[in-house]
Amino acid sequence: MSTEQKAPLGLTPSQTIGPFFAYALTPRAYGGRELATEQVAGEGVAGERIRIEGVVYDGDGVPVGDAVIETWQADAEGRFNAAGNAGFTGFGRAETSAAGAYFIETVRPGALPGLNGRAQAPHLTVSVFARGLLVRLATRIYFDGEPGNAEDPVLALVPAERRATLIAKRGADGVFRFDIRLQGESETVFFDV
């Protein structure tokens, strides 16, 4: 029996999320099974039907053509995965096009029960996976003109001058626009979760 002391093992270093993740998470471009679910709410689901479109940009303002956007949200009544709400999963996954574009089709979520007695404004929780990232980025999409934004406890934690990076704006065509900027000027606010 040896009396030698073994050196403690170190942590395994992180590796980037992509670009290989697209092969497993959004394999349609590779002839695989459809796993992208841009359609969060099927026909007949109650609530205002909305479409959110945007582009993912890197720190140099170049579109990221191999990112994955995942969303999680409540239904129009502010409930997650409510029984009896067939056709509504609350989960969406979209890959970006070569031009960095993505879209999600869903229903506008309702307000959520509060944190510390304050209701959360309607929003989508968003995860961003892209090349060069060691961990997913977490953010939220709020809606322009939503009265609950002023009282939202999470949005209140964000400095006033940065809140606009979390607000989707409705265009003349009725589509909400939400671009995601990974770094640089007008970088999207990301949360440490």
N, C-alpha and C. Protein backbone atom coordinates (compact mmCIF):
# COMPACT_ATOMS: atom_id res chain seq x y z
N MET A 1 0.84 -1.16 0.00
CA MET A 1 0.00 0.00 0.00
C MET A 1 0.89 1.23 0.00
N SER A 2 0.59 2.15 -0.87
CA SER A 2 1.38 3.37 -1.01
C SER A 2 0.92 4.42 -0.02
N THR A 3 1.87 5.15 0.48
CA THR A 3 1.52 6.24 1.40
C THR A 3 1.59 7.60 0.71
N GLU A 4 1.75 7.55 -0.61
CA GLU A 4 1.83 8.81 -1.35
C GLU A 4 0.50 9.54 -1.32
N GLN A 5 0.56 10.86 -1.20
CA GLN A 5 -0.64 11.70 -1.25
C GLN A 5 -0.94 12.02 -2.71
N LYS A 6 -2.19 11.88 -3.08
CA LYS A 6 -2.59 12.25 -4.44
C LYS A 6 -3.00 13.72 -4.43
N ALA A 7 -2.64 14.41 -5.50
CA ALA A 7 -3.04 15.81 -5.64
C ALA A 7 -4.55 15.87 -5.84
N PRO A 8 -5.21 16.87 -5.25
CA PRO A 8 -6.66 16.99 -5.44
C PRO A 8 -6.98 17.29 -6.90
N LEU A 9 -8.08 16.74 -7.33
CA LEU A 9 -8.51 16.97 -8.69
C LEU A 9 -9.10 18.37 -8.82
N GLY A 10 -8.82 19.02 -9.93
CA GLY A 10 -9.36 20.35 -10.18
C GLY A 10 -10.70 20.26 -10.88
N LEU A 11 -11.33 21.38 -11.03
CA LEU A 11 -12.60 21.43 -11.74
C LEU A 11 -12.38 21.20 -13.23
N THR A 12 -13.32 20.55 -13.85
CA THR A 12 -13.27 20.39 -15.30
C THR A 12 -13.60 21.74 -15.92
N PRO A 13 -12.77 22.21 -16.85
CA PRO A 13 -13.03 23.53 -17.43
C PRO A 13 -14.31 23.53 -18.26
N SER A 14 -14.92 24.69 -18.35
CA SER A 14 -16.12 24.85 -19.16
C SER A 14 -15.75 24.81 -20.63
N GLN A 15 -16.74 24.53 -21.44
CA GLN A 15 -16.55 24.64 -22.88
C GLN A 15 -17.71 25.43 -23.44
N THR A 16 -17.55 25.98 -24.62
CA THR A 16 -18.61 26.81 -25.16
C THR A 16 -19.83 25.97 -25.50
N ILE A 17 -20.99 26.64 -25.55
CA ILE A 17 -22.25 25.98 -25.83
C ILE A 17 -22.34 25.55 -27.29
N GLY A 18 -21.80 26.32 -28.18
CA GLY A 18 -22.00 26.03 -29.61
C GLY A 18 -20.72 26.15 -30.38
N PRO A 19 -20.79 25.97 -31.67
CA PRO A 19 -21.99 25.93 -32.50
C PRO A 19 -22.62 24.54 -32.64
N PHE A 20 -22.05 23.52 -32.04
CA PHE A 20 -22.55 22.16 -32.24
C PHE A 20 -23.89 21.88 -31.60
N PHE A 21 -24.36 22.74 -30.67
CA PHE A 21 -25.62 22.49 -30.00
C PHE A 21 -26.80 22.46 -30.97
N ALA A 22 -26.71 23.20 -32.06
CA ALA A 22 -27.83 23.26 -33.01
C ALA A 22 -28.14 21.87 -33.56
N TYR A 23 -27.15 21.04 -33.70
CA TYR A 23 -27.35 19.70 -34.22
C TYR A 23 -28.29 18.90 -33.32
N ALA A 24 -28.22 19.12 -32.01
CA ALA A 24 -29.06 18.37 -31.07
C ALA A 24 -30.36 19.10 -30.72
N LEU A 25 -30.31 20.43 -30.60
CA LEU A 25 -31.48 21.17 -30.14
C LEU A 25 -32.42 21.60 -31.26
N THR A 26 -31.89 21.90 -32.42
CA THR A 26 -32.72 22.34 -33.55
C THR A 26 -32.23 21.63 -34.81
N PRO A 27 -32.44 20.33 -34.88
CA PRO A 27 -31.81 19.53 -35.94
C PRO A 27 -32.48 19.59 -37.31
N ARG A 28 -33.50 20.43 -37.52
CA ARG A 28 -34.20 20.41 -38.81
C ARG A 28 -33.24 20.70 -39.97
N ALA A 29 -32.26 21.55 -39.76
CA ALA A 29 -31.30 21.86 -40.84
C ALA A 29 -30.42 20.66 -41.17
N TYR A 30 -30.40 19.66 -40.29
CA TYR A 30 -29.56 18.48 -40.48
C TYR A 30 -30.39 17.26 -40.86
N GLY A 31 -31.65 17.47 -41.19
CA GLY A 31 -32.51 16.35 -41.56
C GLY A 31 -33.05 15.59 -40.38
N GLY A 32 -32.94 16.17 -39.19
CA GLY A 32 -33.39 15.48 -37.99
C GLY A 32 -34.83 15.79 -37.64
N ARG A 33 -35.27 15.24 -36.53
CA ARG A 33 -36.62 15.42 -36.03
C ARG A 33 -36.84 16.88 -35.61
N GLU A 34 -38.03 17.36 -35.81
CA GLU A 34 -38.37 18.75 -35.45
C GLU A 34 -38.43 18.93 -33.95
N LEU A 35 -37.55 19.75 -33.40
CA LEU A 35 -37.56 20.06 -31.98
C LEU A 35 -37.77 21.55 -31.72
N ALA A 36 -37.65 22.37 -32.75
CA ALA A 36 -37.92 23.79 -32.60
C ALA A 36 -39.42 23.96 -32.48
N THR A 37 -39.85 24.74 -31.53
CA THR A 37 -41.27 24.91 -31.27
C THR A 37 -41.61 26.38 -31.21
N GLU A 38 -41.53 27.05 -32.35
CA GLU A 38 -41.83 28.48 -32.39
C GLU A 38 -43.29 28.75 -32.08
N GLN A 39 -44.13 27.74 -32.24
CA GLN A 39 -45.58 27.86 -32.01
C GLN A 39 -45.88 27.41 -30.57
N VAL A 40 -46.01 28.36 -29.65
CA VAL A 40 -46.21 28.05 -28.24
C VAL A 40 -47.68 27.76 -27.95
N ALA A 41 -48.57 28.45 -28.65
CA ALA A 41 -50.01 28.32 -28.40
C ALA A 41 -50.70 27.87 -29.68
N GLY A 42 -51.31 26.71 -29.63
CA GLY A 42 -52.02 26.18 -30.78
C GLY A 42 -53.36 26.88 -31.00
N GLU A 43 -54.04 26.48 -32.05
CA GLU A 43 -55.36 27.03 -32.36
C GLU A 43 -56.32 26.79 -31.20
N GLY A 44 -57.16 27.76 -30.92
CA GLY A 44 -58.17 27.60 -29.88
C GLY A 44 -57.73 27.98 -28.48
N VAL A 45 -56.45 28.28 -28.28
CA VAL A 45 -55.97 28.70 -26.96
C VAL A 45 -56.45 30.13 -26.72
N ALA A 46 -57.05 30.35 -25.55
CA ALA A 46 -57.60 31.67 -25.22
C ALA A 46 -56.50 32.71 -25.07
N GLY A 47 -56.80 33.92 -25.49
CA GLY A 47 -55.87 35.03 -25.31
C GLY A 47 -55.55 35.72 -26.62
N GLU A 48 -54.93 36.88 -26.50
CA GLU A 48 -54.52 37.66 -27.67
C GLU A 48 -53.33 36.99 -28.34
N ARG A 49 -53.51 36.58 -29.58
CA ARG A 49 -52.42 35.93 -30.32
C ARG A 49 -51.40 36.99 -30.71
N ILE A 50 -50.12 36.70 -30.44
CA ILE A 50 -49.05 37.63 -30.76
C ILE A 50 -47.90 36.91 -31.45
N ARG A 51 -47.10 37.68 -32.14
CA ARG A 51 -45.86 37.19 -32.75
C ARG A 51 -44.75 38.11 -32.28
N ILE A 52 -43.65 37.51 -31.86
CA ILE A 52 -42.46 38.25 -31.45
C ILE A 52 -41.37 37.89 -32.42
N GLU A 53 -40.74 38.91 -33.02
CA GLU A 53 -39.65 38.71 -33.97
C GLU A 53 -38.45 39.52 -33.51
N GLY A 54 -37.27 39.03 -33.84
CA GLY A 54 -36.07 39.79 -33.52
C GLY A 54 -34.85 39.19 -34.17
N VAL A 55 -33.73 39.82 -33.90
CA VAL A 55 -32.43 39.37 -34.40
C VAL A 55 -31.49 39.31 -33.21
N VAL A 56 -30.65 38.29 -33.18
CA VAL A 56 -29.60 38.18 -32.16
C VAL A 56 -28.32 38.75 -32.76
N TYR A 57 -27.72 39.71 -32.06
CA TYR A 57 -26.48 40.36 -32.51
C TYR A 57 -25.35 40.07 -31.55
N ASP A 58 -24.12 39.92 -32.09
CA ASP A 58 -22.95 39.77 -31.23
C ASP A 58 -22.44 41.15 -30.82
N GLY A 59 -21.31 41.19 -30.15
CA GLY A 59 -20.76 42.45 -29.65
C GLY A 59 -20.34 43.43 -30.72
N ASP A 60 -20.11 42.94 -31.94
CA ASP A 60 -19.74 43.82 -33.06
C ASP A 60 -20.94 44.24 -33.88
N GLY A 61 -22.15 43.85 -33.45
CA GLY A 61 -23.35 44.19 -34.20
C GLY A 61 -23.61 43.28 -35.38
N VAL A 62 -22.93 42.14 -35.42
CA VAL A 62 -23.10 41.17 -36.50
C VAL A 62 -24.16 40.15 -36.07
N PRO A 63 -25.13 39.86 -36.95
CA PRO A 63 -26.14 38.85 -36.59
C PRO A 63 -25.52 37.49 -36.29
N VAL A 64 -26.07 36.80 -35.29
CA VAL A 64 -25.60 35.48 -34.89
C VAL A 64 -26.53 34.44 -35.53
N GLY A 65 -26.01 33.75 -36.53
CA GLY A 65 -26.81 32.83 -37.32
C GLY A 65 -26.89 31.42 -36.78
N ASP A 66 -26.42 31.18 -35.59
CA ASP A 66 -26.47 29.82 -35.05
C ASP A 66 -26.81 29.84 -33.56
N ALA A 67 -27.76 30.70 -33.18
CA ALA A 67 -28.19 30.78 -31.79
C ALA A 67 -29.52 30.06 -31.61
N VAL A 68 -29.84 29.74 -30.37
CA VAL A 68 -31.13 29.15 -30.03
C VAL A 68 -31.75 30.03 -28.94
N ILE A 69 -33.02 30.35 -29.13
CA ILE A 69 -33.79 31.13 -28.16
C ILE A 69 -34.85 30.21 -27.58
N GLU A 70 -34.90 30.12 -26.26
CA GLU A 70 -35.96 29.36 -25.59
C GLU A 70 -36.78 30.32 -24.74
N THR A 71 -38.10 30.13 -24.76
CA THR A 71 -38.99 30.97 -23.97
C THR A 71 -39.85 30.11 -23.06
N TRP A 72 -40.25 30.70 -21.94
CA TRP A 72 -41.16 30.06 -21.00
C TRP A 72 -42.10 31.14 -20.52
N GLN A 73 -43.39 30.84 -20.50
CA GLN A 73 -44.34 31.88 -20.16
C GLN A 73 -45.62 31.31 -19.56
N ALA A 74 -46.38 32.20 -18.94
CA ALA A 74 -47.71 31.87 -18.44
C ALA A 74 -48.72 32.04 -19.56
N ASP A 75 -49.92 31.47 -19.37
CA ASP A 75 -50.99 31.67 -20.35
C ASP A 75 -51.63 33.04 -20.14
N ALA A 76 -52.70 33.32 -20.86
CA ALA A 76 -53.35 34.63 -20.80
C ALA A 76 -53.94 34.93 -19.42
N GLU A 77 -54.14 33.90 -18.60
CA GLU A 77 -54.67 34.08 -17.25
C GLU A 77 -53.56 34.14 -16.20
N GLY A 78 -52.30 34.09 -16.63
CA GLY A 78 -51.20 34.15 -15.68
C GLY A 78 -50.88 32.83 -15.01
N ARG A 79 -51.25 31.72 -15.67
CA ARG A 79 -51.01 30.38 -15.11
C ARG A 79 -49.99 29.64 -15.97
N PHE A 80 -49.11 28.89 -15.31
CA PHE A 80 -48.14 28.07 -16.03
C PHE A 80 -48.70 26.68 -16.23
N ASN A 81 -48.66 26.21 -17.48
CA ASN A 81 -49.04 24.84 -17.82
C ASN A 81 -50.32 24.41 -17.11
N ALA A 82 -51.35 25.24 -17.22
CA ALA A 82 -52.61 24.99 -16.51
C ALA A 82 -53.35 23.79 -17.09
N ALA A 83 -53.90 22.99 -16.21
CA ALA A 83 -54.72 21.86 -16.65
C ALA A 83 -55.93 22.39 -17.39
N GLY A 84 -56.32 21.72 -18.43
CA GLY A 84 -57.48 22.13 -19.20
C GLY A 84 -57.15 23.16 -20.27
N ASN A 85 -55.90 23.56 -20.40
CA ASN A 85 -55.52 24.53 -21.42
C ASN A 85 -54.78 23.79 -22.54
N ALA A 86 -55.50 22.88 -23.18
CA ALA A 86 -54.90 22.08 -24.24
C ALA A 86 -54.40 22.98 -25.36
N GLY A 87 -53.27 22.62 -25.90
CA GLY A 87 -52.70 23.40 -27.00
C GLY A 87 -51.74 24.48 -26.54
N PHE A 88 -51.59 24.64 -25.24
CA PHE A 88 -50.67 25.64 -24.70
C PHE A 88 -49.61 24.94 -23.86
N THR A 89 -48.35 25.05 -24.30
CA THR A 89 -47.26 24.42 -23.57
C THR A 89 -46.54 25.39 -22.65
N GLY A 90 -46.52 26.66 -23.04
CA GLY A 90 -45.76 27.65 -22.30
C GLY A 90 -44.29 27.69 -22.69
N PHE A 91 -43.84 26.70 -23.46
CA PHE A 91 -42.42 26.58 -23.86
C PHE A 91 -42.27 26.81 -25.35
N GLY A 92 -41.27 27.59 -25.71
CA GLY A 92 -40.95 27.79 -27.11
C GLY A 92 -39.45 27.66 -27.34
N ARG A 93 -39.09 27.18 -28.51
CA ARG A 93 -37.67 27.09 -28.89
C ARG A 93 -37.55 27.49 -30.35
N ALA A 94 -36.68 28.45 -30.62
CA ALA A 94 -36.49 28.93 -31.99
C ALA A 94 -35.01 29.03 -32.30
N GLU A 95 -34.64 28.56 -33.47
CA GLU A 95 -33.27 28.76 -33.92
C GLU A 95 -33.21 30.03 -34.74
N THR A 96 -32.06 30.66 -34.77
CA THR A 96 -31.92 31.84 -35.60
C THR A 96 -31.57 31.42 -37.02
N SER A 97 -32.01 32.25 -37.97
CA SER A 97 -31.68 32.01 -39.38
C SER A 97 -30.24 32.45 -39.61
N ALA A 98 -29.75 32.27 -40.82
CA ALA A 98 -28.40 32.71 -41.16
C ALA A 98 -28.24 34.21 -40.92
N ALA A 99 -29.35 34.95 -40.99
CA ALA A 99 -29.33 36.41 -40.77
C ALA A 99 -29.57 36.76 -39.30
N GLY A 100 -29.56 35.75 -38.40
CA GLY A 100 -29.72 35.99 -36.97
C GLY A 100 -31.15 36.18 -36.51
N ALA A 101 -32.13 35.99 -37.41
CA ALA A 101 -33.54 36.26 -37.08
C ALA A 101 -34.20 35.06 -36.41
N TYR A 102 -35.14 35.34 -35.53
CA TYR A 102 -35.95 34.32 -34.88
C TYR A 102 -37.37 34.84 -34.75
N PHE A 103 -38.31 33.96 -34.42
CA PHE A 103 -39.67 34.37 -34.10
C PHE A 103 -40.30 33.37 -33.15
N ILE A 104 -41.29 33.85 -32.40
CA ILE A 104 -42.10 33.03 -31.51
C ILE A 104 -43.55 33.46 -31.73
N GLU A 105 -44.46 32.49 -31.89
CA GLU A 105 -45.89 32.78 -31.99
C GLU A 105 -46.58 32.18 -30.77
N THR A 106 -47.37 33.01 -30.08
CA THR A 106 -47.94 32.59 -28.80
C THR A 106 -49.17 33.43 -28.48
N VAL A 107 -49.60 33.40 -27.24
CA VAL A 107 -50.61 34.33 -26.75
C VAL A 107 -49.93 35.25 -25.75
N ARG A 108 -50.45 36.46 -25.67
CA ARG A 108 -49.89 37.42 -24.73
C ARG A 108 -50.13 36.89 -23.31
N PRO A 109 -49.06 36.77 -22.51
CA PRO A 109 -49.22 36.21 -21.16
C PRO A 109 -49.94 37.18 -20.23
N GLY A 110 -50.57 36.62 -19.21
CA GLY A 110 -51.21 37.43 -18.18
C GLY A 110 -50.23 37.78 -17.09
N ALA A 111 -50.64 38.68 -16.20
CA ALA A 111 -49.82 39.06 -15.06
C ALA A 111 -49.67 37.86 -14.13
N LEU A 112 -48.56 37.82 -13.41
CA LEU A 112 -48.27 36.72 -12.49
C LEU A 112 -48.46 37.15 -11.05
N PRO A 113 -48.75 36.18 -10.18
CA PRO A 113 -48.83 36.51 -8.75
C PRO A 113 -47.53 37.17 -8.31
N GLY A 114 -47.62 37.97 -7.29
CA GLY A 114 -46.52 38.83 -6.91
C GLY A 114 -45.37 38.19 -6.18
N LEU A 115 -44.29 38.95 -6.17
CA LEU A 115 -43.13 38.69 -5.32
C LEU A 115 -43.21 39.77 -4.24
N ASN A 116 -43.19 39.36 -3.00
CA ASN A 116 -43.31 40.31 -1.90
C ASN A 116 -44.55 41.19 -2.04
N GLY A 117 -45.65 40.59 -2.50
CA GLY A 117 -46.91 41.31 -2.61
C GLY A 117 -47.07 42.16 -3.85
N ARG A 118 -46.08 42.16 -4.75
CA ARG A 118 -46.15 42.97 -5.97
C ARG A 118 -46.29 42.04 -7.17
N ALA A 119 -47.35 42.24 -7.96
CA ALA A 119 -47.58 41.40 -9.13
C ALA A 119 -46.50 41.63 -10.18
N GLN A 120 -46.17 40.57 -10.91
CA GLN A 120 -45.22 40.68 -12.01
C GLN A 120 -45.99 40.99 -13.30
N ALA A 121 -45.50 41.94 -14.05
CA ALA A 121 -46.11 42.31 -15.32
C ALA A 121 -46.03 41.13 -16.29
N PRO A 122 -46.94 41.06 -17.26
CA PRO A 122 -46.85 40.01 -18.28
C PRO A 122 -45.47 40.03 -18.95
N HIS A 123 -44.88 38.85 -19.08
CA HIS A 123 -43.55 38.76 -19.69
C HIS A 123 -43.28 37.32 -20.13
N LEU A 124 -42.25 37.16 -20.93
CA LEU A 124 -41.72 35.85 -21.29
C LEU A 124 -40.32 35.76 -20.68
N THR A 125 -40.00 34.62 -20.10
CA THR A 125 -38.64 34.36 -19.65
C THR A 125 -37.88 33.78 -20.83
N VAL A 126 -36.66 34.25 -21.06
CA VAL A 126 -35.91 33.89 -22.26
C VAL A 126 -34.53 33.36 -21.89
N SER A 127 -34.13 32.26 -22.54
CA SER A 127 -32.76 31.75 -22.46
C SER A 127 -32.14 31.87 -23.84
N VAL A 128 -30.87 32.29 -23.87
CA VAL A 128 -30.15 32.44 -25.13
C VAL A 128 -28.94 31.51 -25.09
N PHE A 129 -28.82 30.69 -26.11
CA PHE A 129 -27.67 29.80 -26.28
C PHE A 129 -27.00 30.20 -27.59
N ALA A 130 -25.68 30.40 -27.57
CA ALA A 130 -24.99 30.80 -28.80
C ALA A 130 -23.51 30.44 -28.69
N ARG A 131 -22.87 30.43 -29.85
CA ARG A 131 -21.43 30.13 -29.89
C ARG A 131 -20.67 31.11 -29.01
N GLY A 132 -19.64 30.63 -28.36
CA GLY A 132 -18.82 31.47 -27.52
C GLY A 132 -19.33 31.65 -26.10
N LEU A 133 -20.56 31.21 -25.81
CA LEU A 133 -21.09 31.34 -24.46
C LEU A 133 -20.75 30.09 -23.65
N LEU A 134 -20.33 30.28 -22.41
CA LEU A 134 -20.04 29.15 -21.55
C LEU A 134 -21.29 28.67 -20.82
N VAL A 135 -22.23 29.57 -20.59
CA VAL A 135 -23.50 29.24 -19.96
C VAL A 135 -24.60 30.00 -20.71
N ARG A 136 -25.83 29.54 -20.55
CA ARG A 136 -26.94 30.24 -21.19
C ARG A 136 -27.09 31.63 -20.59
N LEU A 137 -27.64 32.53 -21.36
CA LEU A 137 -27.96 33.85 -20.87
C LEU A 137 -29.46 33.91 -20.59
N ALA A 138 -29.85 34.53 -19.49
CA ALA A 138 -31.26 34.61 -19.11
C ALA A 138 -31.71 36.06 -19.13
N THR A 139 -32.85 36.30 -19.76
CA THR A 139 -33.42 37.64 -19.81
C THR A 139 -34.93 37.52 -19.80
N ARG A 140 -35.62 38.62 -19.99
CA ARG A 140 -37.07 38.64 -20.05
C ARG A 140 -37.52 39.54 -21.19
N ILE A 141 -38.71 39.26 -21.70
CA ILE A 141 -39.36 40.14 -22.68
C ILE A 141 -40.61 40.69 -22.02
N TYR A 142 -40.63 42.01 -21.82
CA TYR A 142 -41.81 42.72 -21.36
C TYR A 142 -42.44 43.40 -22.57
N PHE A 143 -43.65 43.95 -22.42
CA PHE A 143 -44.37 44.53 -23.54
C PHE A 143 -44.55 46.03 -23.36
N ASP A 144 -44.24 46.78 -24.41
CA ASP A 144 -44.38 48.22 -24.42
C ASP A 144 -45.82 48.63 -24.10
N GLY A 145 -45.98 49.63 -23.26
CA GLY A 145 -47.30 50.13 -22.93
C GLY A 145 -48.05 49.33 -21.89
N GLU A 146 -47.45 48.29 -21.36
CA GLU A 146 -48.11 47.45 -20.35
C GLU A 146 -48.13 48.20 -19.01
N PRO A 147 -49.32 48.50 -18.46
CA PRO A 147 -49.39 49.26 -17.20
C PRO A 147 -48.65 48.58 -16.05
N GLY A 148 -48.61 47.26 -16.00
CA GLY A 148 -47.95 46.54 -14.92
C GLY A 148 -46.44 46.69 -14.90
N ASN A 149 -45.83 47.17 -16.00
CA ASN A 149 -44.37 47.34 -16.04
C ASN A 149 -43.89 48.27 -14.93
N ALA A 150 -44.66 49.30 -14.64
CA ALA A 150 -44.24 50.31 -13.65
C ALA A 150 -44.09 49.71 -12.26
N GLU A 151 -44.82 48.63 -11.97
CA GLU A 151 -44.79 48.03 -10.63
C GLU A 151 -44.08 46.69 -10.58
N ASP A 152 -43.58 46.21 -11.71
CA ASP A 152 -42.95 44.89 -11.75
C ASP A 152 -41.70 44.87 -10.87
N PRO A 153 -41.62 43.94 -9.89
CA PRO A 153 -40.48 43.93 -8.97
C PRO A 153 -39.14 43.56 -9.62
N VAL A 154 -39.16 42.76 -10.68
CA VAL A 154 -37.91 42.40 -11.35
C VAL A 154 -37.45 43.55 -12.24
N LEU A 155 -38.35 44.12 -13.01
CA LEU A 155 -38.01 45.25 -13.88
C LEU A 155 -37.51 46.43 -13.05
N ALA A 156 -38.04 46.58 -11.83
CA ALA A 156 -37.62 47.67 -10.95
C ALA A 156 -36.17 47.53 -10.51
N LEU A 157 -35.62 46.31 -10.56
CA LEU A 157 -34.22 46.08 -10.19
C LEU A 157 -33.24 46.57 -11.26
N VAL A 158 -33.74 46.77 -12.47
CA VAL A 158 -32.91 47.17 -13.60
C VAL A 158 -32.81 48.70 -13.62
N PRO A 159 -31.61 49.25 -13.76
CA PRO A 159 -31.50 50.71 -13.86
C PRO A 159 -32.41 51.27 -14.96
N ALA A 160 -33.06 52.38 -14.68
CA ALA A 160 -34.06 52.96 -15.59
C ALA A 160 -33.52 53.11 -17.01
N GLU A 161 -32.28 53.51 -17.16
CA GLU A 161 -31.72 53.74 -18.50
C GLU A 161 -31.47 52.43 -19.28
N ARG A 162 -31.55 51.27 -18.61
CA ARG A 162 -31.32 49.98 -19.28
C ARG A 162 -32.61 49.20 -19.52
N ARG A 163 -33.73 49.63 -18.95
CA ARG A 163 -34.98 48.88 -19.04
C ARG A 163 -35.47 48.72 -20.47
N ALA A 164 -35.20 49.68 -21.33
CA ALA A 164 -35.66 49.60 -22.72
C ALA A 164 -35.14 48.35 -23.42
N THR A 165 -34.02 47.78 -22.96
CA THR A 165 -33.47 46.58 -23.60
C THR A 165 -34.32 45.34 -23.30
N LEU A 166 -35.29 45.48 -22.39
CA LEU A 166 -36.17 44.36 -22.02
C LEU A 166 -37.59 44.53 -22.54
N ILE A 167 -37.85 45.59 -23.30
CA ILE A 167 -39.21 45.92 -23.73
C ILE A 167 -39.38 45.64 -25.23
N ALA A 168 -40.35 44.77 -25.55
CA ALA A 168 -40.69 44.52 -26.96
C ALA A 168 -41.65 45.61 -27.41
N LYS A 169 -41.38 46.16 -28.58
CA LYS A 169 -42.21 47.24 -29.15
C LYS A 169 -43.10 46.67 -30.24
N ARG A 170 -44.38 47.07 -30.23
CA ARG A 170 -45.31 46.62 -31.26
C ARG A 170 -45.18 47.51 -32.48
N GLY A 171 -44.98 46.89 -33.64
CA GLY A 171 -44.88 47.63 -34.89
C GLY A 171 -46.25 47.90 -35.48
N ALA A 172 -46.27 48.66 -36.57
CA ALA A 172 -47.52 48.98 -37.26
C ALA A 172 -48.23 47.72 -37.75
N ASP A 173 -47.45 46.67 -38.01
CA ASP A 173 -48.03 45.40 -38.49
C ASP A 173 -48.57 44.53 -37.35
N GLY A 174 -48.46 45.01 -36.09
CA GLY A 174 -48.96 44.27 -34.95
C GLY A 174 -47.96 43.31 -34.34
N VAL A 175 -46.81 43.13 -34.99
CA VAL A 175 -45.78 42.21 -34.52
C VAL A 175 -44.90 42.92 -33.49
N PHE A 176 -44.59 42.22 -32.40
CA PHE A 176 -43.67 42.76 -31.40
C PHE A 176 -42.24 42.53 -31.86
N ARG A 177 -41.39 43.52 -31.66
CA ARG A 177 -39.97 43.45 -32.05
C ARG A 177 -39.13 43.39 -30.80
N PHE A 178 -38.25 42.37 -30.72
CA PHE A 178 -37.35 42.24 -29.58
C PHE A 178 -36.01 41.71 -30.07
N ASP A 179 -35.06 42.62 -30.30
CA ASP A 179 -33.70 42.23 -30.68
C ASP A 179 -32.90 41.93 -29.42
N ILE A 180 -31.98 40.99 -29.54
CA ILE A 180 -31.12 40.59 -28.42
C ILE A 180 -29.69 40.94 -28.80
N ARG A 181 -29.07 41.78 -27.99
CA ARG A 181 -27.68 42.19 -28.21
C ARG A 181 -26.82 41.57 -27.11
N LEU A 182 -25.91 40.70 -27.50
CA LEU A 182 -25.12 39.94 -26.53
C LEU A 182 -24.07 40.77 -25.81
N GLN A 183 -23.59 41.84 -26.45
CA GLN A 183 -22.57 42.72 -25.87
C GLN A 183 -22.68 44.08 -26.53
N GLY A 184 -21.87 44.99 -26.03
CA GLY A 184 -21.72 46.28 -26.70
C GLY A 184 -22.81 47.28 -26.37
N GLU A 185 -22.89 48.30 -27.23
CA GLU A 185 -23.87 49.37 -27.04
C GLU A 185 -25.28 48.79 -27.08
N SER A 186 -26.10 49.20 -26.15
CA SER A 186 -27.49 48.72 -26.02
C SER A 186 -27.56 47.22 -25.73
N GLU A 187 -26.53 46.69 -25.05
CA GLU A 187 -26.54 45.27 -24.66
C GLU A 187 -27.82 44.96 -23.89
N THR A 188 -28.45 43.86 -24.23
CA THR A 188 -29.64 43.39 -23.51
C THR A 188 -29.27 43.11 -22.06
N VAL A 189 -30.15 43.44 -21.15
CA VAL A 189 -29.92 43.13 -19.73
C VAL A 189 -30.11 41.62 -19.57
N PHE A 190 -29.12 40.97 -18.97
CA PHE A 190 -29.18 39.54 -18.66
C PHE A 190 -29.14 39.39 -17.16
N PHE A 191 -29.85 38.38 -16.65
CA PHE A 191 -29.96 38.16 -15.21
C PHE A 191 -29.08 37.00 -14.78
N ASP A 192 -28.51 37.13 -13.60
CA ASP A 192 -27.67 36.09 -13.01
C ASP A 192 -28.60 35.15 -12.24
N VAL A 193 -28.95 34.02 -12.87
CA VAL A 193 -29.86 33.07 -12.24
C VAL A 193 -29.21 31.75 -11.99
